[in-house]
Amino acid sequence: MRKIKSGDTVMIMRGRYQEKGKTGVVERVEDQRVYVKWMRIVKKALKGKGFVEKEAPIDISNVMVVCPSCKKPTRVGIEQKDGKRYRVCKKCGAKLDK
């Protein structure tokens, strides 16, 4: 089970100084890299079309999930109940899964 999923609100803890401390929503997760909406914007040159702005990936170790109940960045724990696994906040114990 992944600890960060698409749709989660995350805070960028390390990286470029412009984005450090900002929060955003995860668009997709690919191989230990996350794409956060409107964060880490880079310009890519396309032949004949000029430049296109798009999000670049951020390493998954550089972001933390923001708990919806306590509104703080937190580590994610996993609990099992009735044969199902849930992600929980390590600070307040609230469920992160809907």
C-alpha atoms as a PDB file:
ATOM      1  CA  MET A   1       0.000   0.000   0.000  1.00  0.00           C
ATOM      2  CA  ARG A   2       1.357   3.392  -0.986  1.00  0.00           C
ATOM      3  CA  LYS A   3       1.668   6.017   1.682  1.00  0.00           C
ATOM      4  CA  ILE A   4       1.050   8.864  -0.785  1.00  0.00           C
ATOM      5  CA  LYS A   5      -1.739   8.622  -3.366  1.00  0.00           C
ATOM      6  CA  SER A   6      -3.089  10.904  -6.076  1.00  0.00           C
ATOM      7  CA  GLY A   7      -5.524  13.431  -4.644  1.00  0.00           C
ATOM      8  CA  ASP A   8      -3.610  13.800  -1.352  1.00  0.00           C
ATOM      9  CA  THR A   9      -2.642  17.257  -0.126  1.00  0.00           C
ATOM     10  CA  VAL A  10       1.108  17.346   0.470  1.00  0.00           C
ATOM     11  CA  MET A  11       3.656  19.863   1.738  1.00  0.00           C
ATOM     12  CA  ILE A  12       7.049  20.141   0.054  1.00  0.00           C
ATOM     13  CA  MET A  13       9.682  19.783   2.778  1.00  0.00           C
ATOM     14  CA  ARG A  14      12.934  19.870   0.780  1.00  0.00           C
ATOM     15  CA  GLY A  15      14.022  21.063  -2.643  1.00  0.00           C
ATOM     16  CA  ARG A  16      14.010  24.389  -4.445  1.00  0.00           C
ATOM     17  CA  TYR A  17      13.757  27.355  -2.125  1.00  0.00           C
ATOM     18  CA  GLN A  18      10.757  28.764  -4.036  1.00  0.00           C
ATOM     19  CA  GLU A  19       8.626  25.699  -3.329  1.00  0.00           C
ATOM     20  CA  LYS A  20       9.818  24.683   0.126  1.00  0.00           C
ATOM     21  CA  GLY A  21       6.945  24.920   2.617  1.00  0.00           C
ATOM     22  CA  LYS A  22       4.199  25.183  -0.022  1.00  0.00           C
ATOM     23  CA  THR A  23       1.263  22.795  -0.232  1.00  0.00           C
ATOM     24  CA  GLY A  24      -0.405  21.291  -3.269  1.00  0.00           C
ATOM     25  CA  VAL A  25      -2.465  18.360  -4.504  1.00  0.00           C
ATOM     26  CA  VAL A  26      -0.792  15.243  -5.931  1.00  0.00           C
ATOM     27  CA  GLU A  27      -1.787  14.638  -9.555  1.00  0.00           C
ATOM     28  CA  ARG A  28      -0.060  11.288 -10.019  1.00  0.00           C
ATOM     29  CA  VAL A  29       2.586   9.013  -8.501  1.00  0.00           C
ATOM     30  CA  GLU A  30       5.152   7.184 -10.641  1.00  0.00           C
ATOM     31  CA  ASP A  31       8.069   5.099  -9.331  1.00  0.00           C
ATOM     32  CA  GLN A  32       8.815   6.991  -6.093  1.00  0.00           C
ATOM     33  CA  ARG A  33       8.192  10.353  -7.802  1.00  0.00           C
ATOM     34  CA  VAL A  34       5.138  12.589  -7.359  1.00  0.00           C
ATOM     35  CA  TYR A  35       3.672  15.262  -9.613  1.00  0.00           C
ATOM     36  CA  VAL A  36       2.180  18.104  -7.554  1.00  0.00           C
ATOM     37  CA  LYS A  37      -0.238  20.462  -9.289  1.00  0.00           C
ATOM     38  CA  TRP A  38       1.316  23.888 -10.053  1.00  0.00           C
ATOM     39  CA  MET A  39       4.599  23.041  -8.270  1.00  0.00           C
ATOM     40  CA  ARG A  40       8.046  22.645  -9.830  1.00  0.00           C
ATOM     41  CA  ILE A  41       7.058  24.228 -13.145  1.00  0.00           C
ATOM     42  CA  VAL A  42       9.663  23.813 -15.908  1.00  0.00           C
ATOM     43  CA  LYS A  43       9.729  25.014 -19.514  1.00  0.00           C
ATOM     44  CA  LYS A  44      10.126  22.367 -22.196  1.00  0.00           C
ATOM     45  CA  ALA A  45      11.126  23.316 -25.756  1.00  0.00           C
ATOM     46  CA  LEU A  46       9.003  21.752 -28.503  1.00  0.00           C
ATOM     47  CA  LYS A  47      10.161  21.867 -32.092  1.00  0.00           C
ATOM     48  CA  GLY A  48       8.014  24.246 -34.113  1.00  0.00           C
ATOM     49  CA  LYS A  49       5.738  25.124 -31.174  1.00  0.00           C
ATOM     50  CA  GLY A  50       8.006  27.065 -28.848  1.00  0.00           C
ATOM     51  CA  PHE A  51       7.974  26.480 -25.101  1.00  0.00           C
ATOM     52  CA  VAL A  52       5.461  24.599 -22.964  1.00  0.00           C
ATOM     53  CA  GLU A  53       5.219  24.870 -19.164  1.00  0.00           C
ATOM     54  CA  LYS A  54       4.585  21.660 -17.244  1.00  0.00           C
ATOM     55  CA  GLU A  55       5.111  20.102 -13.824  1.00  0.00           C
ATOM     56  CA  ALA A  56       8.327  18.212 -13.159  1.00  0.00           C
ATOM     57  CA  PRO A  57       8.409  15.264 -10.726  1.00  0.00           C
ATOM     58  CA  ILE A  58       9.469  15.601  -7.082  1.00  0.00           C
ATOM     59  CA  ASP A  59      11.017  12.721  -5.154  1.00  0.00           C
ATOM     60  CA  ILE A  60       8.510  11.110  -2.783  1.00  0.00           C
ATOM     61  CA  SER A  61      10.917  11.480   0.149  1.00  0.00           C
ATOM     62  CA  ASN A  62      10.785  15.285  -0.173  1.00  0.00           C
ATOM     63  CA  VAL A  63       7.044  15.615   0.517  1.00  0.00           C
ATOM     64  CA  MET A  64       4.811  14.910   3.535  1.00  0.00           C
ATOM     65  CA  VAL A  65       1.065  14.323   3.624  1.00  0.00           C
ATOM     66  CA  VAL A  66      -0.983  17.094   5.273  1.00  0.00           C
ATOM     67  CA  CYS A  67      -3.573  15.598   7.646  1.00  0.00           C
ATOM     68  CA  PRO A  68      -7.092  16.895   6.875  1.00  0.00           C
ATOM     69  CA  SER A  69      -8.115  16.962  10.555  1.00  0.00           C
ATOM     70  CA  CYS A  70      -5.075  18.512  12.299  1.00  0.00           C
ATOM     71  CA  LYS A  71      -3.870  20.484   9.210  1.00  0.00           C
ATOM     72  CA  LYS A  72      -0.198  19.623   9.851  1.00  0.00           C
ATOM     73  CA  PRO A  73       2.335  17.677   7.778  1.00  0.00           C
ATOM     74  CA  THR A  74       2.590  14.178   9.206  1.00  0.00           C
ATOM     75  CA  ARG A  75       4.047  10.762   8.704  1.00  0.00           C
ATOM     76  CA  VAL A  76       1.640   8.081   7.538  1.00  0.00           C
ATOM     77  CA  GLY A  77       0.930   4.888   9.443  1.00  0.00           C
ATOM     78  CA  ILE A  78      -1.085   1.867   8.355  1.00  0.00           C
ATOM     79  CA  GLU A  79      -3.729   0.160  10.510  1.00  0.00           C
ATOM     80  CA  GLN A  80      -5.661  -3.008   9.783  1.00  0.00           C
ATOM     81  CA  LYS A  81      -9.301  -3.334  10.776  1.00  0.00           C
ATOM     82  CA  ASP A  82     -11.813  -5.967   9.601  1.00  0.00           C
ATOM     83  CA  GLY A  83      -9.389  -7.205   6.941  1.00  0.00           C
ATOM     84  CA  LYS A  84      -8.961  -3.744   5.376  1.00  0.00           C
ATOM     85  CA  ARG A  85      -5.907  -1.522   5.563  1.00  0.00           C
ATOM     86  CA  TYR A  86      -6.231   2.193   6.291  1.00  0.00           C
ATOM     87  CA  ARG A  87      -3.735   5.049   6.217  1.00  0.00           C
ATOM     88  CA  VAL A  88      -3.701   7.030   9.478  1.00  0.00           C
ATOM     89  CA  CYS A  89      -2.095  10.242  10.722  1.00  0.00           C
ATOM     90  CA  LYS A  90       0.786   9.561  13.128  1.00  0.00           C
ATOM     91  CA  LYS A  91       0.091  12.812  15.057  1.00  0.00           C
ATOM     92  CA  CYS A  92      -3.658  12.665  15.734  1.00  0.00           C
ATOM     93  CA  GLY A  93      -4.613   9.128  14.636  1.00  0.00           C
ATOM     94  CA  ALA A  94      -7.279  10.266  12.133  1.00  0.00           C
ATOM     95  CA  LYS A  95      -7.926   8.229   8.964  1.00  0.00           C
ATOM     96  CA  LEU A  96      -6.498   9.684   5.766  1.00  0.00           C
ATOM     97  CA  ASP A  97      -8.551   7.437   3.463  1.00  0.00           C
ATOM     98  CA  LYS A  98     -12.118   8.381   2.729  1.00  0.00           C
END
